[in-house]
Amino acid sequence: MIRNLLIRGMVAGLVAGLISFGFARGFGEPSVARAIAFEEQHEHAQAPAHDHHDEAAAAQSHSHGDDEELVSRDTQAGLGLLTGVVVFGTALGGIFSLIFALAYGRLGSLHARGTSVLLALIGFVSVALVPFIKYPPNPPAVGNAETIGPRTALFFGMVAISIVGAVFAVYAQRRLQARRGNWNAALIAAAGYVVLMVIAQVALPSVDEVPADFSASLLWNFRLTAVGIQALIWATLGLLFGALASRELERPAARRMAAA
């Protein structure tokens, strides 16, 4: 059964990746192109004046740099983006199916579709939304290259804290539901998760490296697209995998009951 669920999870993740690629291509790439143009214009404006010899040398160096470019911008925005999103979606779908197999039947009376949607909602909030609030992604031209290591570590640290908090909330809800009821137990667990995330948001250092002259609308559109891609991936996983898992888990049992 786990093998069949894993295959269905990867298929759902593949479809989620393809849908997210179309969204990213249509709505995200224009913002990236504008950010790159801003970066090039900003660097050109800050470049010091050179004599003719220096300008010729710089032009020759730039020409060599262009010749040595491994991946063109068109490839990055097309095949590169498609490959990255599809591989990410497929891998995420496989992991999601394994988590579903562990959680199925342990989340109250939820059937396969309900379990899948609930897990997708928890995954989106804990893996994408909460870390996004603290450390939102930035387009090109935003951020110091020397701080990319610490910024990446802080982001994944926030993701880890959020996932641990979500797992603890689910565990607390299961322990409390016998005494408090499903609704009250869910509210208490959710409140505990929110409190933990607020503490983490306040305790972790903030990162703000957006240039003062960077377009606020461009930054907003880029970040909105980034969280939209995550929402599409998780929503597709929850809905599509739920339908596929339901066919695997519940229809054979219904047929056996009908035969009996």
Protein backbone atom coordinates (compact mmCIF):
# COMPACT_ATOMS: atom_id res chain seq x y z
CA MET A 1 0.00 0.00 0.00
CA ILE A 2 2.79 2.44 0.88
CA ARG A 3 4.38 1.89 -2.53
CA ASN A 4 1.11 2.74 -4.28
CA LEU A 5 0.64 5.81 -2.11
CA LEU A 6 4.21 6.91 -2.83
CA ILE A 7 3.62 6.67 -6.58
CA ARG A 8 0.38 8.62 -6.27
CA GLY A 9 2.08 11.24 -4.14
CA MET A 10 4.83 11.74 -6.71
CA VAL A 11 2.26 11.99 -9.50
CA ALA A 12 0.32 14.60 -7.54
CA GLY A 13 3.57 16.46 -6.85
CA LEU A 14 4.47 16.37 -10.55
CA VAL A 15 1.12 17.88 -11.49
CA ALA A 16 1.51 20.48 -8.73
CA GLY A 17 4.92 21.39 -10.12
CA LEU A 18 3.59 21.82 -13.65
CA ILE A 19 0.73 24.04 -12.47
CA SER A 20 3.10 26.11 -10.32
CA PHE A 21 5.51 26.47 -13.25
CA GLY A 22 2.76 28.03 -15.35
CA PHE A 23 1.94 30.45 -12.53
CA ALA A 24 5.60 31.31 -11.89
CA ARG A 25 6.27 31.77 -15.60
CA GLY A 26 3.32 34.07 -16.09
CA PHE A 27 3.42 36.10 -12.89
CA GLY A 28 6.87 35.65 -11.35
CA GLU A 29 9.27 36.02 -14.25
CA PRO A 30 8.23 39.60 -15.15
CA SER A 31 9.12 40.66 -11.60
CA VAL A 32 12.46 38.86 -11.80
CA ALA A 33 13.26 40.54 -15.12
CA ARG A 34 12.44 43.97 -13.69
CA ALA A 35 14.58 43.26 -10.61
CA ILE A 36 17.54 42.24 -12.79
CA ALA A 37 17.15 45.40 -14.85
CA PHE A 38 17.12 47.45 -11.64
CA GLU A 39 20.28 45.71 -10.45
CA GLU A 40 22.12 46.37 -13.70
CA GLN A 41 21.02 50.00 -13.72
CA HIS A 42 22.04 50.42 -10.09
CA GLU A 43 25.50 48.94 -10.72
CA HIS A 44 25.98 51.12 -13.79
CA ALA A 45 25.04 54.26 -11.86
CA GLN A 46 27.52 53.46 -9.08
CA ALA A 47 30.40 52.57 -11.39
CA PRO A 48 33.29 55.09 -11.12
CA ALA A 49 34.49 57.01 -14.13
CA HIS A 50 37.31 55.39 -16.16
CA ASP A 51 39.56 56.57 -18.91
CA HIS A 52 39.26 55.09 -22.39
CA HIS A 53 41.81 52.36 -21.66
CA ASP A 54 39.90 51.22 -18.58
CA GLU A 55 36.61 51.26 -20.47
CA ALA A 56 38.04 49.10 -23.21
CA ALA A 57 39.43 46.64 -20.67
CA ALA A 58 36.11 46.54 -18.84
CA ALA A 59 34.24 45.95 -22.09
CA GLN A 60 36.63 43.13 -23.01
CA SER A 61 36.24 41.61 -19.53
CA HIS A 62 32.45 41.87 -19.77
CA SER A 63 32.54 40.23 -23.17
CA HIS A 64 34.56 37.31 -21.79
CA GLY A 65 32.14 37.07 -18.85
CA ASP A 66 29.23 36.77 -21.28
CA ASP A 67 31.04 34.04 -23.22
CA GLU A 68 31.60 32.09 -20.02
CA GLU A 69 27.97 32.27 -18.93
CA LEU A 70 26.90 28.69 -18.31
CA VAL A 71 23.13 29.17 -18.26
CA SER A 72 21.40 31.90 -20.23
CA ARG A 73 18.60 33.98 -18.78
CA ASP A 74 16.11 32.42 -21.22
CA THR A 75 17.10 28.94 -20.05
CA GLN A 76 16.80 29.95 -16.42
CA ALA A 77 13.30 31.35 -17.00
CA GLY A 78 12.21 28.36 -19.08
CA LEU A 79 13.74 24.91 -18.79
CA GLY A 80 15.63 25.71 -15.59
CA LEU A 81 12.53 26.98 -13.81
CA LEU A 82 10.46 24.05 -15.09
CA THR A 83 13.04 21.50 -13.93
CA GLY A 84 13.45 23.07 -10.50
CA VAL A 85 9.74 23.39 -9.75
CA VAL A 86 8.84 19.94 -11.09
CA VAL A 87 11.64 18.20 -9.20
CA PHE A 88 10.70 20.04 -6.02
CA GLY A 89 7.01 19.23 -6.44
CA THR A 90 7.64 15.55 -7.17
CA ALA A 91 9.96 15.13 -4.18
CA LEU A 92 7.53 16.99 -1.94
CA GLY A 93 4.71 14.77 -3.17
CA GLY A 94 6.67 11.65 -2.23
CA ILE A 95 7.39 12.96 1.26
CA PHE A 96 3.77 14.07 1.61
CA SER A 97 2.51 10.58 0.75
CA LEU A 98 4.72 9.00 3.43
CA ILE A 99 3.46 11.47 6.04
CA PHE A 100 -0.09 10.73 4.92
CA ALA A 101 0.49 6.99 5.34
CA LEU A 102 1.67 7.65 8.89
CA ALA A 103 -1.22 9.98 9.76
CA TYR A 104 -4.09 8.19 8.01
CA GLY A 105 -6.55 6.85 10.56
CA ARG A 106 -4.91 8.76 13.41
CA LEU A 107 -6.62 12.12 12.88
CA GLY A 108 -10.06 11.30 14.16
CA SER A 109 -12.77 10.20 11.75
CA LEU A 110 -11.30 11.90 8.67
CA HIS A 111 -11.31 9.92 5.44
CA ALA A 112 -8.50 9.99 2.90
CA ARG A 113 -9.56 13.24 1.25
CA GLY A 114 -10.01 15.05 4.54
CA THR A 115 -6.70 13.77 5.90
CA SER A 116 -4.88 14.86 2.76
CA VAL A 117 -6.40 18.36 2.78
CA LEU A 118 -5.69 18.80 6.50
CA LEU A 119 -2.06 17.70 6.09
CA ALA A 120 -1.63 20.02 3.10
CA LEU A 121 -3.02 22.93 5.13
CA ILE A 122 -0.69 22.17 8.03
CA GLY A 123 2.23 21.82 5.62
CA PHE A 124 1.52 25.12 3.87
CA VAL A 125 1.19 27.03 7.13
CA SER A 126 4.23 25.48 8.85
CA VAL A 127 6.62 25.12 5.90
CA ALA A 128 5.68 28.08 3.72
CA LEU A 129 3.50 30.73 5.36
CA VAL A 130 5.03 31.15 8.83
CA PRO A 131 8.67 31.25 7.60
CA PHE A 132 7.53 33.62 4.84
CA ILE A 133 6.19 36.07 7.42
CA LYS A 134 9.56 36.27 9.17
CA TYR A 135 11.93 35.88 6.22
CA PRO A 136 10.11 36.68 2.95
CA PRO A 137 11.99 35.90 -0.28
CA ASN A 138 13.70 38.69 -2.15
CA PRO A 139 14.15 39.19 -5.90
CA PRO A 140 17.53 39.78 -7.55
CA ALA A 141 19.16 43.09 -6.58
CA VAL A 142 17.94 42.69 -2.99
CA GLY A 143 20.28 41.34 -0.35
CA ASN A 144 24.00 41.32 0.34
CA ALA A 145 25.88 38.42 -1.23
CA GLU A 146 28.14 38.22 1.83
CA THR A 147 25.19 37.48 4.14
CA ILE A 148 23.50 34.80 2.04
CA GLY A 149 24.83 32.03 4.30
CA PRO A 150 23.49 33.46 7.57
CA ARG A 151 20.21 34.45 5.92
CA THR A 152 19.72 30.93 4.57
CA ALA A 153 20.52 29.41 7.96
CA LEU A 154 17.99 31.70 9.67
CA PHE A 155 15.30 30.83 7.15
CA PHE A 156 15.74 27.07 7.51
CA GLY A 157 15.97 27.49 11.27
CA MET A 158 12.56 29.16 11.18
CA VAL A 159 11.21 26.33 9.00
CA ALA A 160 12.52 23.73 11.47
CA ILE A 161 10.99 25.52 14.46
CA SER A 162 7.67 25.84 12.65
CA ILE A 163 7.58 22.14 11.68
CA VAL A 164 8.42 21.06 15.24
CA GLY A 165 5.72 23.37 16.55
CA ALA A 166 3.17 21.94 14.10
CA VAL A 167 4.03 18.35 15.07
CA PHE A 168 3.72 19.25 18.75
CA ALA A 169 0.35 20.93 18.09
CA VAL A 170 -1.01 17.82 16.35
CA TYR A 171 0.26 15.62 19.19
CA ALA A 172 -1.28 17.92 21.80
CA GLN A 173 -4.61 17.93 19.97
CA ARG A 174 -4.73 14.13 20.00
CA ARG A 175 -3.92 13.99 23.70
CA LEU A 176 -6.50 16.62 24.63
CA GLN A 177 -9.43 15.52 22.48
CA ALA A 178 -10.56 12.77 24.88
CA ARG A 179 -10.97 15.28 27.72
CA ARG A 180 -11.72 18.53 25.89
CA GLY A 181 -13.48 17.35 22.76
CA ASN A 182 -12.22 17.69 19.20
CA TRP A 183 -13.08 21.39 18.75
CA ASN A 184 -11.66 22.63 22.05
CA ALA A 185 -8.57 20.46 21.71
CA ALA A 186 -7.95 21.85 18.23
CA LEU A 187 -8.31 25.43 19.47
CA ILE A 188 -5.91 24.84 22.37
CA ALA A 189 -3.34 23.17 20.10
CA ALA A 190 -3.61 25.96 17.51
CA ALA A 191 -3.21 28.60 20.22
CA GLY A 192 -0.09 26.85 21.51
CA TYR A 193 1.38 26.80 18.01
CA VAL A 194 0.65 30.51 17.51
CA VAL A 195 2.29 31.41 20.83
CA LEU A 196 5.39 29.38 19.98
CA MET A 197 5.66 30.98 16.55
CA VAL A 198 5.26 34.49 17.96
CA ILE A 199 8.11 33.79 20.39
CA ALA A 200 10.28 32.48 17.54
CA GLN A 201 9.44 35.47 15.34
CA VAL A 202 10.46 37.88 18.08
CA ALA A 203 13.54 35.95 19.21
CA LEU A 204 15.14 35.39 15.80
CA PRO A 205 17.00 38.36 14.30
CA SER A 206 15.36 40.32 11.51
CA VAL A 207 16.92 40.77 8.08
CA ASP A 208 16.21 43.90 6.03
CA GLU A 209 18.55 44.48 3.10
CA VAL A 210 16.11 46.06 0.64
CA PRO A 211 17.67 49.12 -1.04
CA ALA A 212 15.94 52.39 -0.21
CA ASP A 213 15.25 53.12 -3.89
CA PHE A 214 13.91 49.67 -4.75
CA SER A 215 10.35 49.58 -6.08
CA ALA A 216 7.90 48.68 -3.33
CA SER A 217 5.32 47.41 -5.81
CA LEU A 218 7.90 45.18 -7.49
CA LEU A 219 8.96 43.74 -4.14
CA TRP A 220 5.32 43.12 -3.17
CA ASN A 221 4.49 41.44 -6.48
CA PHE A 222 7.54 39.16 -6.26
CA ARG A 223 6.79 38.07 -2.71
CA LEU A 224 3.10 37.61 -3.44
CA THR A 225 3.99 35.39 -6.39
CA ALA A 226 6.41 33.38 -4.26
CA VAL A 227 3.80 32.58 -1.62
CA GLY A 228 1.26 31.97 -4.40
CA ILE A 229 3.50 29.28 -5.89
CA GLN A 230 3.69 27.56 -2.53
CA ALA A 231 -0.07 27.81 -2.07
CA LEU A 232 -0.67 26.23 -5.48
CA ILE A 233 1.71 23.37 -4.77
CA TRP A 234 0.20 22.54 -1.39
CA ALA A 235 -3.41 22.98 -2.56
CA THR A 236 -2.85 20.70 -5.56
CA LEU A 237 -1.14 18.12 -3.37
CA GLY A 238 -3.94 18.14 -0.82
CA LEU A 239 -6.78 17.89 -3.33
CA LEU A 240 -5.27 15.67 -6.02
CA PHE A 241 -3.46 13.28 -3.71
CA GLY A 242 -6.59 13.03 -1.57
CA ALA A 243 -8.58 11.90 -4.61
CA LEU A 244 -5.91 9.41 -5.67
CA ALA A 245 -5.44 8.05 -2.15
CA SER A 246 -9.20 7.68 -1.76
CA ARG A 247 -9.30 5.43 -4.82
CA GLU A 248 -6.50 3.33 -3.36
CA LEU A 249 -7.74 3.06 0.21
CA GLU A 250 -11.50 3.43 0.34
CA ARG A 251 -13.06 2.10 -2.85
CA PRO A 252 -11.58 -1.43 -2.53
CA ALA A 253 -12.93 -1.58 1.03
CA ALA A 254 -16.35 -0.41 -0.16
CA ARG A 255 -16.38 -3.09 -2.85
CA ARG A 256 -15.46 -5.76 -0.31
CA MET A 257 -18.27 -4.62 1.99
CA ALA A 258 -20.74 -4.66 -0.90
CA ALA A 259 -19.67 -8.18 -1.88
CA ALA A 260 -20.02 -9.38 1.70
